Protein backbone atom coordinates (compact mmCIF):
# COMPACT_ATOMS: atom_id res chain seq x y z
CA MET A 1 1.97 12.68 3.65
CA LYS A 2 2.14 10.49 1.23
CA GLU A 3 5.42 11.18 -0.36
CA MET A 4 6.79 10.12 3.09
CA ALA A 5 5.03 7.17 3.75
CA LYS A 6 6.63 6.24 0.47
CA LYS A 7 9.88 7.26 0.68
CA GLU A 8 10.04 5.58 4.15
CA GLU A 9 8.78 2.43 2.36
CA ASP A 10 11.58 1.83 0.47
CA GLU A 11 14.17 2.62 2.74
CA MET A 12 12.72 -1.00 4.55
CA ALA A 13 12.52 -2.49 1.26
CA LYS A 14 16.12 -1.34 0.70
CA GLU A 15 16.66 -2.93 4.40
CA ARG A 16 14.74 -5.94 3.78
CA GLN A 17 17.29 -6.32 0.44
CA ARG A 18 20.41 -5.79 2.72
CA VAL A 19 19.51 -8.29 5.28
CA TRP A 20 18.18 -10.94 2.20
CA ASP A 21 22.64 -9.91 1.02
CA SER A 22 24.11 -10.08 4.18
CA LEU A 23 22.30 -14.00 5.30
CA PRO A 24 25.00 -17.28 5.75
CA LYS A 25 25.46 -19.07 1.93
CA GLY A 26 23.56 -21.73 1.67
CA ARG A 27 23.37 -24.96 -1.22
CA VAL A 28 20.96 -22.91 -4.18
CA TYR A 29 19.35 -25.11 -6.77
CA GLN A 30 16.93 -23.31 -9.94
CA ALA A 31 13.49 -24.12 -10.06
CA PRO A 32 11.81 -24.32 -13.42
CA THR A 33 10.03 -21.33 -14.62
CA GLU A 34 8.27 -22.19 -17.65
CA LEU A 35 4.42 -22.69 -16.45
CA ASP A 36 4.05 -26.43 -17.84
CA ARG A 37 7.05 -27.02 -15.26
CA LEU A 38 6.96 -25.09 -13.00
CA PHE A 39 5.69 -28.45 -10.56
CA GLU A 40 8.70 -29.99 -12.27
CA GLY A 41 9.86 -32.39 -9.79
CA VAL A 42 7.82 -32.20 -7.58
CA LYS A 43 6.69 -35.64 -5.96
CA TYR A 44 3.81 -34.76 -3.01
CA ASP A 45 0.51 -34.40 -3.87
CA ILE A 46 -0.71 -31.49 -2.72
CA GLY A 47 -4.64 -31.33 -2.90
CA PRO A 48 -8.41 -30.07 -0.58
CA LYS A 49 -8.26 -33.77 1.00
CA TRP A 50 -4.67 -33.12 3.35
CA TYR A 51 -6.84 -29.89 5.50
CA GLY A 52 -6.49 -29.56 8.84
CA GLU A 53 -3.84 -33.11 8.98
CA ARG A 54 -3.18 -33.31 12.11
CA ILE A 55 0.46 -35.05 13.99
CA ARG A 56 1.13 -36.38 17.15
CA LYS A 57 4.64 -37.14 18.77
CA GLY A 58 5.95 -40.64 17.67
CA GLU A 59 4.19 -40.32 14.09
CA TYR A 60 6.09 -36.82 12.42
CA ALA A 61 9.23 -37.60 10.47
CA LEU A 62 10.56 -33.65 11.71
CA GLU A 63 9.35 -30.96 13.36
CA VAL A 64 10.09 -27.03 12.76
CA GLY A 65 8.64 -24.56 14.52
CA GLY A 66 6.12 -24.90 17.72
CA PRO A 67 6.43 -24.65 20.99
CA LYS A 68 9.54 -26.39 21.77
CA PHE A 69 11.02 -22.81 20.35
CA ASN A 70 8.24 -21.05 22.35
CA TYR A 71 6.81 -20.43 18.80
CA THR A 72 10.27 -18.11 17.47
CA SER A 73 10.28 -20.08 14.33
CA THR A 74 8.95 -17.23 11.14
CA TRP A 75 7.66 -17.94 7.68
CA PHE A 76 7.79 -14.24 5.68
CA ILE A 77 6.21 -13.68 2.79
CA GLU A 78 7.13 -10.19 0.66
CA ILE A 79 5.96 -7.98 -2.59
CA VAL A 80 8.82 -7.15 -4.31
CA HIS A 81 8.19 -4.03 -6.76
CA ASP A 82 12.43 -4.00 -8.13
CA PRO A 83 12.09 -6.71 -10.81
CA ASP A 84 15.58 -6.56 -10.80
CA ARG A 85 15.57 -7.89 -7.23
CA ILE A 86 14.19 -11.35 -7.90
CA GLN A 87 15.83 -13.78 -9.96
CA ASP A 88 12.72 -16.04 -10.63
CA GLY A 89 12.75 -20.23 -8.88
CA ARG A 90 15.81 -19.20 -7.41
CA ILE A 91 15.67 -21.26 -3.54
CA GLU A 92 18.25 -21.46 -1.18
CA LEU A 93 18.66 -23.64 1.70
CA ILE A 94 20.80 -22.48 4.43
CA GLY A 95 20.98 -25.67 6.82
CA PRO A 96 20.72 -29.40 6.38
CA ASP A 97 18.09 -31.18 4.24
CA ILE A 98 14.75 -33.15 5.05
CA PRO A 99 16.07 -36.20 4.08
CA GLU A 100 19.19 -35.41 6.21
CA ILE A 101 17.65 -35.30 9.32
CA PRO A 102 17.17 -37.82 12.15
CA ASP A 103 13.45 -38.83 12.21
CA GLY A 104 11.96 -36.81 14.95
CA THR A 105 14.03 -33.72 15.39
CA SER A 106 13.10 -30.31 16.62
CA LEU A 107 14.17 -27.35 14.98
CA PRO A 108 14.03 -23.54 14.22
CA PHE A 109 13.23 -22.24 11.14
CA MET A 110 12.52 -19.39 8.54
CA PHE A 111 10.50 -19.22 5.67
CA TRP A 112 11.07 -16.06 3.47
CA ILE A 113 9.23 -15.92 0.57
CA ARG A 114 9.22 -13.02 -2.09
CA TYR A 115 7.31 -12.24 -5.27
CA TYR A 116 7.26 -9.65 -8.18
CA GLY A 117 4.02 -8.88 -10.46
CA GLU A 118 4.34 -5.94 -11.74
CA ASN A 119 0.95 -5.68 -10.83
CA LEU A 120 1.05 -6.21 -7.33
CA GLU A 121 -0.11 -4.47 -4.25
CA ASP A 122 0.62 -4.52 -0.81
CA ASP A 123 -2.88 -5.27 -0.53
CA PHE A 124 -2.64 -8.90 -2.33
CA LEU A 125 -0.13 -9.79 1.03
CA ASP A 126 -2.77 -12.22 2.20
CA ILE A 127 -4.27 -13.28 -1.05
CA LEU A 128 -0.03 -14.66 -1.81
CA THR A 129 0.11 -15.43 1.54
CA ARG A 130 -2.90 -18.16 1.36
CA TRP A 131 -1.90 -19.61 -1.81
CA THR A 132 1.61 -19.94 -0.91
CA TYR A 133 -0.29 -21.75 3.18
CA MET A 134 -1.90 -24.06 1.06
CA ALA A 135 1.43 -25.63 -0.74
CA VAL A 136 2.04 -27.29 3.04
CA GLU A 137 -1.70 -26.92 4.40
CA GLY A 138 -2.59 -29.16 1.32
CA GLY A 139 0.30 -31.02 1.12
CA GLU A 140 0.70 -34.42 1.50
CA GLY A 141 2.24 -35.75 4.91
CA TRP A 142 2.46 -31.76 6.31
CA MET A 143 0.42 -30.77 9.27
CA LEU A 144 0.19 -26.74 9.48
CA LEU A 145 -0.86 -24.45 12.60
CA ASN A 146 -0.60 -20.37 12.70
CA THR A 147 0.98 -17.98 10.94
CA ARG A 148 3.45 -15.93 10.89
CA ASP A 149 5.67 -16.09 13.38
CA THR A 150 4.18 -18.59 15.20
CA ILE A 151 4.46 -20.73 12.89
CA TRP A 152 4.09 -24.70 13.20
CA LEU A 153 5.44 -27.51 11.09
CA ARG A 154 5.28 -31.31 11.12
CA LEU A 155 5.68 -34.12 8.02
CA ARG A 156 4.22 -37.49 8.55
CA LYS A 157 7.14 -40.49 8.66
CA THR A 158 5.34 -42.02 6.74
CA ALA A 159 5.56 -39.39 3.12
CA LYS A 160 9.32 -38.32 4.78
CA HIS A 161 10.12 -40.00 1.15
CA LYS A 162 8.60 -37.27 -0.53
CA HIS A 163 10.10 -33.89 0.86
CA ASP A 164 12.77 -31.96 0.60
CA PHE A 165 12.87 -28.61 0.88
CA PHE A 166 14.01 -27.49 -2.59
CA HIS A 167 11.30 -29.07 -4.05
CA LEU A 168 8.84 -27.36 -1.36
CA GLY A 169 10.09 -23.83 -1.97
CA GLN A 170 9.34 -24.78 -5.41
CA ALA A 171 5.76 -26.44 -4.99
CA MET A 172 5.08 -22.66 -2.56
CA ILE A 173 5.63 -20.52 -5.09
CA ALA A 174 4.77 -22.90 -8.58
CA ASN A 175 1.01 -23.23 -6.27
CA THR A 176 1.28 -19.59 -5.71
CA LYS A 177 1.43 -17.64 -9.26
CA ILE A 178 -0.73 -20.90 -10.86
CA MET A 179 -3.66 -19.31 -8.35
CA PHE A 180 -2.32 -15.89 -8.36
CA PRO A 181 -1.38 -15.31 -12.08
CA TYR A 182 -0.53 -11.36 -10.77
CA VAL A 183 2.80 -12.65 -9.67
CA GLU A 184 5.67 -13.13 -12.44
CA LYS A 185 8.15 -14.09 -9.88
CA GLY A 186 9.21 -15.41 -7.02
CA ASP A 187 12.37 -17.01 -5.27
CA ALA A 188 12.55 -18.58 -1.90
CA LYS A 189 15.09 -19.00 1.13
CA ILE A 190 15.34 -21.35 3.46
CA ILE A 191 16.97 -21.53 7.26
CA VAL A 192 16.73 -23.79 8.80
CA GLY A 193 18.41 -25.19 12.72
CA ASN A 194 20.19 -24.35 16.31
CA GLU A 195 22.57 -22.70 14.51
CA TYR A 196 20.13 -19.58 13.38
CA ARG A 197 17.98 -19.50 16.13
CA ASP A 198 19.20 -16.35 16.79
CA LEU A 199 19.39 -14.45 13.25
CA ILE A 200 15.81 -15.58 12.85
CA LYS A 201 14.73 -14.10 16.00
CA GLU A 202 16.71 -10.76 14.81
CA ILE A 203 14.70 -10.88 11.06
CA THR A 204 11.89 -11.50 12.14
CA GLN A 205 12.15 -8.31 14.89
CA ASN A 206 13.61 -6.35 13.51
CA VAL A 207 12.64 -6.59 9.21
CA CYS A 208 9.62 -9.25 9.31
CA ILE A 209 7.50 -7.41 12.19
CA PRO A 210 7.80 -3.66 11.07
CA TYR A 211 6.38 -5.13 7.07
CA TRP A 212 3.83 -6.73 8.61
CA GLU A 213 2.68 -3.69 11.35
CA ARG A 214 3.02 -1.38 7.78
CA ILE A 215 0.54 -3.56 5.80
CA ASP A 216 -1.79 -4.51 9.40
CA ALA A 217 -1.84 -0.45 9.47
CA ARG A 218 -3.11 -0.33 6.09
CA ALA A 219 -6.53 -2.65 6.83
CA ARG A 220 -7.24 -1.17 9.98
CA GLU A 221 -7.76 2.21 8.34
CA PHE A 222 -11.23 0.20 7.47
CA SER A 223 -14.38 0.44 10.52
CA ASP A 224 -17.21 -1.72 9.63
CA GLU A 225 -18.90 1.60 9.29
CA ASP A 226 -17.40 2.00 6.14
CA VAL A 227 -18.55 -0.53 4.06
CA ASP A 228 -22.24 -2.44 2.65
CA THR A 229 -20.74 -6.17 2.76
CA PHE A 230 -18.06 -8.51 4.93
CA TYR A 231 -16.81 -11.38 3.34
CA GLY A 232 -17.35 -15.13 4.57
CA CYS A 233 -14.62 -18.30 4.40
CA ALA A 234 -15.55 -22.03 4.91
CA VAL A 235 -11.84 -23.47 3.98
CA CYS A 236 -11.70 -25.32 7.09
CA GLN A 237 -14.91 -26.70 6.11
CA THR A 238 -12.54 -29.78 4.73
CA PHE A 239 -11.99 -30.43 9.07
CA ALA A 240 -14.62 -28.43 10.74
CA PRO A 241 -17.47 -29.26 8.52
CA ASN A 242 -19.71 -26.28 9.48
CA HIS A 243 -17.55 -23.82 10.77
CA VAL A 244 -17.61 -20.25 8.93
CA CYS A 245 -15.84 -17.51 9.31
CA VAL A 246 -16.88 -13.65 8.87
CA VAL A 247 -14.74 -11.39 7.76
CA ALA A 248 -14.67 -7.10 8.41
CA PRO A 249 -12.98 -4.10 8.82
CA ASP A 250 -13.02 -5.00 12.35
CA ARG A 251 -12.37 -8.13 12.69
CA PRO A 252 -9.81 -10.02 11.18
CA PRO A 253 -10.34 -14.23 10.77
CA TYR A 254 -9.06 -16.72 13.61
CA CYS A 255 -6.55 -18.24 11.26
CA GLY A 256 -4.65 -15.04 10.88
CA ILE A 257 -4.40 -15.22 7.36
CA ILE A 258 -6.37 -12.62 6.18
CA THR A 259 -8.68 -9.54 6.51
CA TRP A 260 -11.16 -7.86 5.13
CA ILE A 261 -9.65 -6.44 2.45
CA GLY A 262 -7.60 -9.25 1.94
CA ALA A 263 -11.39 -11.38 1.60
CA LYS A 264 -12.18 -9.10 -0.32
CA VAL A 265 -9.11 -9.44 -3.17
CA MET A 266 -9.93 -13.30 -2.78
CA TYR A 267 -13.93 -12.42 -4.27
CA GLU A 268 -13.64 -10.57 -6.76
CA LEU A 269 -10.34 -12.65 -8.34
CA ASP A 270 -12.19 -15.78 -7.66
CA PRO A 271 -16.19 -15.32 -6.60
CA TYR A 272 -16.84 -18.73 -6.95
CA GLY A 273 -14.30 -20.41 -4.46
CA TYR A 274 -14.44 -20.75 -0.97
CA THR A 275 -14.62 -17.17 -0.11
CA PHE A 276 -17.77 -15.28 -0.35
CA ILE A 277 -19.96 -12.23 0.72
CA MET A 278 -21.87 -10.99 3.23
CA PRO A 279 -24.47 -8.26 3.29
CA LYS A 280 -24.96 -6.89 6.53
CA GLY A 281 -28.26 -6.78 6.16
CA GLU A 282 -30.52 -4.82 9.52
CA CYS A 283 -28.12 -4.43 12.63
CA LEU A 284 -29.79 -6.70 15.18
CA ASP A 285 -27.40 -5.52 17.74
CA PRO A 286 -24.73 -2.94 17.12
CA ILE A 287 -22.46 -3.34 19.95
CA GLY A 288 -22.45 -7.31 20.03
CA GLY A 289 -22.15 -6.98 16.06
CA GLU A 290 -25.22 -8.68 14.72
CA TYR A 291 -26.37 -8.80 11.43
CA THR A 292 -29.65 -10.59 9.52
CA GLY A 293 -27.90 -11.00 6.75
CA VAL A 294 -24.68 -12.13 8.37
CA ASN A 295 -27.20 -15.08 10.00
CA GLU A 296 -28.88 -15.53 6.83
CA VAL A 297 -25.35 -16.91 5.37
CA VAL A 298 -24.09 -18.37 8.03
CA TYR A 299 -27.01 -20.75 8.40
CA GLN A 300 -26.96 -21.49 4.95
CA LYS A 301 -22.09 -22.36 4.79
CA SER A 302 -23.28 -23.70 7.82
CA ASN A 303 -24.91 -26.42 6.66
CA ARG A 304 -28.47 -25.08 8.84
CA SER A 305 -26.61 -25.72 12.35
CA TYR A 306 -26.27 -21.66 13.47
CA LYS A 307 -28.80 -19.27 12.60
CA ARG A 308 -26.95 -16.47 15.28
CA VAL A 309 -23.45 -14.91 14.70
CA VAL A 310 -23.12 -11.72 17.75
CA MET A 311 -19.75 -11.20 15.91
CA TYR A 312 -17.98 -9.12 19.15
CA SER A 313 -18.42 -11.46 21.84
CA SER A 314 -17.11 -15.45 23.31
CA LEU A 315 -20.34 -14.98 25.54
CA LEU A 316 -23.49 -14.82 23.23
CA TYR A 317 -23.03 -16.32 20.28
CA PRO A 318 -19.39 -16.30 19.72
CA GLN A 319 -18.40 -17.41 15.64
CA THR A 320 -17.72 -21.22 15.37
CA ASN A 321 -14.33 -22.60 16.17
CA CYS A 322 -13.05 -24.64 13.78
CA GLY A 323 -9.04 -25.38 15.24
CA CYS A 324 -6.20 -22.08 13.27
CA PHE A 325 -6.48 -19.53 15.53
CA GLU A 326 -3.03 -18.57 17.21
CA ALA A 327 -4.91 -17.61 20.63
CA GLY A 328 -7.91 -17.83 22.62
CA ILE A 329 -10.49 -16.18 24.88
CA PHE A 330 -12.80 -18.62 27.90
CA TYR A 331 -14.71 -17.90 30.49
CA ILE A 332 -13.46 -17.30 34.47
CA PRO A 333 -17.16 -18.31 36.24
CA GLU A 334 -16.10 -17.69 39.72
CA VAL A 335 -15.37 -14.29 38.42
CA ASP A 336 -17.42 -13.37 36.13
CA GLY A 337 -14.32 -12.61 33.53
CA LEU A 338 -12.67 -13.59 30.26
CA GLY A 339 -8.67 -14.37 30.53
CA MET A 340 -7.51 -14.93 27.17
CA VAL A 341 -3.55 -17.56 26.26
CA ASP A 342 -2.27 -17.32 23.69
CA ARG A 343 0.00 -20.52 21.48
CA ARG A 344 3.57 -19.53 23.32
CA TYR A 345 2.56 -20.58 27.42
CA THR A 346 2.76 -23.76 27.67
CA GLY A 347 1.45 -23.17 31.66
CA MET A 348 -2.21 -23.73 33.51
CA THR A 349 -5.03 -20.99 33.25
CA PRO A 350 -7.32 -19.90 35.91
CA ILE A 351 -9.91 -22.66 34.38
CA GLY A 352 -7.95 -25.71 35.27
CA VAL A 353 -6.69 -26.25 31.53
CA THR A 354 -3.04 -25.60 29.41
CA PHE A 355 -3.90 -23.60 25.69
CA SER A 356 -3.29 -27.07 23.72
CA LYS A 357 -7.15 -28.57 26.39
CA LEU A 358 -8.51 -25.36 25.82
CA ALA A 359 -7.80 -25.28 21.74
CA GLY A 360 -9.05 -29.94 21.76
CA PHE A 361 -12.56 -28.87 23.23
CA MET A 362 -12.91 -25.24 21.03
CA SER A 363 -12.00 -26.61 17.69
CA GLY A 364 -14.41 -28.56 15.19
CA GLY A 365 -17.10 -26.39 13.83
CA MET A 366 -18.85 -26.05 17.19
CA GLN A 367 -20.68 -22.89 18.82
CA ASN A 368 -18.35 -22.74 22.31
CA HIS A 369 -20.23 -19.98 24.21
CA GLY A 370 -17.78 -18.92 26.35
CA TYR A 371 -14.68 -20.16 24.54
CA CYS A 372 -13.96 -17.90 20.95
CA GLY A 373 -10.65 -18.21 18.91
CA MET A 374 -8.07 -15.50 18.74
CA SER A 375 -6.31 -14.51 15.80
CA PHE A 376 -3.20 -11.93 17.01
CA ARG A 377 -4.98 -9.49 15.56
CA THR A 378 -8.23 -9.70 17.23
CA PRO A 379 -7.39 -7.94 20.53
CA ARG A 380 -5.60 -4.64 18.44
CA SER A 381 -9.33 -4.33 17.04
CA ARG A 382 -11.07 -1.21 18.46
CA LYS A 383 -13.99 -3.62 18.58
CA PHE A 384 -12.24 -6.16 20.49
CA MET A 385 -15.41 -8.47 22.57
CA VAL A 386 -17.27 -4.95 23.28
CA GLY A 387 -20.57 -7.28 23.60
CA ASP A 388 -19.02 -8.97 26.78
CA GLY A 389 -17.80 -4.85 28.19
CA GLY A 390 -14.56 -5.18 25.86
CA TRP A 391 -10.66 -4.32 27.41
CA TYR A 392 -12.31 -4.12 31.07
CA ARG A 393 -14.34 -7.46 30.81
CA ILE A 394 -9.96 -9.47 30.58
CA VAL A 395 -8.96 -10.63 34.25
CA TRP A 396 -6.59 -12.85 32.95
CA MET A 397 -3.07 -12.95 30.41
CA PRO A 398 0.36 -14.38 30.44
CA LYS A 399 2.81 -12.71 30.97
CA GLU A 400 4.78 -12.42 27.73
CA TYR A 401 1.10 -12.47 26.21
CA LYS A 402 0.33 -9.14 27.82
CA GLN A 403 4.06 -7.12 27.06
CA MET A 404 3.17 -8.34 23.35
CA LEU A 405 0.08 -6.52 23.92
CA ALA A 406 0.89 -3.25 25.30
CA GLU A 407 -0.14 -0.80 22.73
CA PHE A 408 -3.57 -1.42 22.86
CA ILE A 409 -5.09 -2.52 26.44
CA PRO A 410 -5.56 0.57 27.59
CA GLU A 411 -3.86 2.37 29.93
CA GLU A 412 -5.81 1.71 32.66
CA ILE A 413 -6.74 -1.42 32.73
CA TYR A 414 -3.06 -2.82 32.32
CA ASP A 415 -2.21 -3.73 35.42
CA LYS A 416 -5.47 -4.03 36.99
CA ILE A 417 -5.72 -7.46 34.75
CA ALA A 418 -3.84 -10.41 35.66
CA THR A 419 -0.73 -12.47 35.16
CA GLU A 420 0.91 -15.41 35.36
CA ASP A 421 2.85 -13.98 38.37
CA ASP A 422 -0.75 -12.75 40.10
CA ALA A 423 -2.86 -15.60 40.30
CA ILE A 424 -3.73 -18.89 38.36
CA ASP A 425 -6.40 -20.18 41.57
CA PRO A 426 -9.54 -18.24 40.09
CA LYS A 427 -9.52 -17.56 44.49
CA ASP A 428 -6.29 -16.40 44.55
CA LEU A 429 -7.47 -14.20 40.71
CA LYS A 430 -10.51 -13.62 42.72
CA GLU A 431 -8.28 -11.53 46.28
CA PHE A 432 -6.20 -9.75 43.29
CA LEU A 433 -8.58 -8.19 41.59
CA LYS A 434 -10.79 -6.95 44.53
CA LYS A 435 -7.35 -5.76 45.04
CA VAL A 436 -6.78 -3.61 42.67
CA GLU A 437 -10.19 -2.69 41.93
CA HIS A 438 -11.01 -4.29 38.71
CA PRO A 439 -14.18 -3.33 36.88
CA VAL A 440 -15.40 -6.36 36.94
CA THR A 441 -15.85 -6.75 40.55
CA LYS A 442 -18.93 -3.98 39.76
CA LEU A 443 -20.28 -6.83 37.94
CA TRP A 444 -20.48 -8.66 41.73
CA ARG A 445 -22.79 -7.93 44.37
CA ASN A 446 -21.80 -5.42 46.84
CA GLY A 447 -18.47 -5.99 44.57
CA GLU A 448 -17.75 -8.92 47.00
CA GLU A 449 -19.33 -12.42 45.36
CA ALA A 450 -19.12 -12.52 41.44
CA GLU A 451 -23.10 -13.80 39.35
CA PRO A 452 -21.69 -16.10 37.02
CA LEU A 453 -23.85 -16.05 33.96
CA LYS A 454 -25.68 -19.82 32.89
CA ILE A 455 -23.92 -20.34 29.95
CA PRO A 456 -25.39 -23.08 27.30
CA PRO A 457 -23.52 -25.49 26.69
CA PRO A 458 -21.89 -25.70 23.05
CA ASN A 459 -24.03 -25.08 19.98
CA GLY A 460 -27.23 -23.80 22.36
CA GLU A 461 -28.86 -21.16 23.24
CA TRP A 462 -29.40 -18.68 25.46
CA ASP A 463 -32.23 -18.65 27.32
CA PRO A 464 -33.97 -15.05 26.69
CA GLU A 465 -33.46 -13.52 30.47
CA GLU A 466 -30.17 -14.91 30.89
CA GLU A 467 -28.95 -12.76 27.89
CA LYS A 468 -30.50 -9.98 29.27
CA ARG A 469 -28.26 -9.43 32.00
CA ALA A 470 -24.90 -10.56 29.61
CA LYS A 471 -25.80 -7.69 27.81
CA GLU A 472 -26.33 -5.64 30.60
CA LYS A 473 -23.11 -6.53 32.29
CA ALA A 474 -21.44 -5.46 28.63
CA ARG A 475 -23.44 -2.07 29.50
CA VAL A 476 -22.06 -1.80 32.66
CA LEU A 477 -18.70 -1.95 31.56
CA LEU A 478 -19.27 -0.40 28.26
CA GLU A 479 -20.84 3.01 30.34
CA MET A 480 -17.15 2.89 32.61
CA GLN A 481 -15.37 3.55 29.64
CA GLY A 482 -16.77 6.21 27.73
CA LYS A 483 -18.25 4.24 24.99
CA LEU A 484 -22.12 4.71 26.28
CA PRO A 485 -24.46 7.21 28.09
CA LYS A 486 -24.96 5.85 30.72
CA SER A 487 -28.39 4.42 31.69
CA GLU A 488 -30.48 6.51 33.30
């Protein structure tokens, strides 16, 4: 079995190399490779003070990726196991450079960064991604949101004179080499421009996504029950001071950058960094995922702001939200169900706001009961929102997002989840759910009228009786799915 997997990966690696070699020719630059010269020529500052920068319309010189192009740009980081395939420090720009682009321009793009190291393993992809991103996320003048094929960057006008794509690529590779010495070689291709939009889509679909799926499948081999320790991440506290992310095998963080495996590697390499251990301790809620050890660490690391986190609930003490999430989940009281929305969807939701408005409300490191960030990996988890009833509690999501997650949505519920084509107004949504006999209607009085939960305000505490009622609703839906034995 392992031999077959190795052979398949070798063939995929050859195909990635073929695509790399077949790309249009661009301007080729050579960055210094000597350790003491890695950042030579880089004019912009890189550091924590730039994390979380937000740049509004009218303030940016350049926007690449993001909503204007329906989040179809890509940042692809690849581990190459053949040293002969990488020319260390080689950076090729296919398209216009930053100084050549008029202020206010929006363009699709792709960063393809490759690394080689004798001791580099596929399990290290998360940490390579983190340190590569830091050259931009912590880069002077840059705004970075999302990951992978939903990436969105903006460059502030006042910092434009310090930037060009060659030195940006140089800084990405240099920062990763400095922070992760296992990296021996790195090269990059940067593709920018409307004329390459279809090419970027094709590469993403045929090269990047199969690579990510293989890496993600490896991460899903582990479950929370297989380990004694979870991990936490506090890198986003630079702009969300009380936010703490819990990283467990069944619970990837909102940013989508790392997994439990990646967090484990980060901690082992840098035990004094922003990634830290979270001993599980006693399990207080095996369904929702609440642990004494997690609660204790969250309380300490959140500046003693939050005492409880229920890992697999968006209703009961959900994890705080930073602002890096790729999607969100929200409570719809009129139907006592949950809706989901991703950044690609720009329309209205059943609660009367767009994703951007919802994200603004949720961000900042607060515990918003009934509202929770997600990465694109989150709905793929075997424990997705089980503390709220799992997929049987989901009543609405954008059509494209639903199609993207079709493989992970239980077949019996798929057609019963409404999209924007079925309903947006809560009254219409209610009628749709009754018509298709959605499981959530079993929570309604006589199957006709929802009896919504009394959600506490942000950072508030649940009334004990109301919390008990919320858990009972989740239990009803889980029993319907056969995930819990039926109550007597």
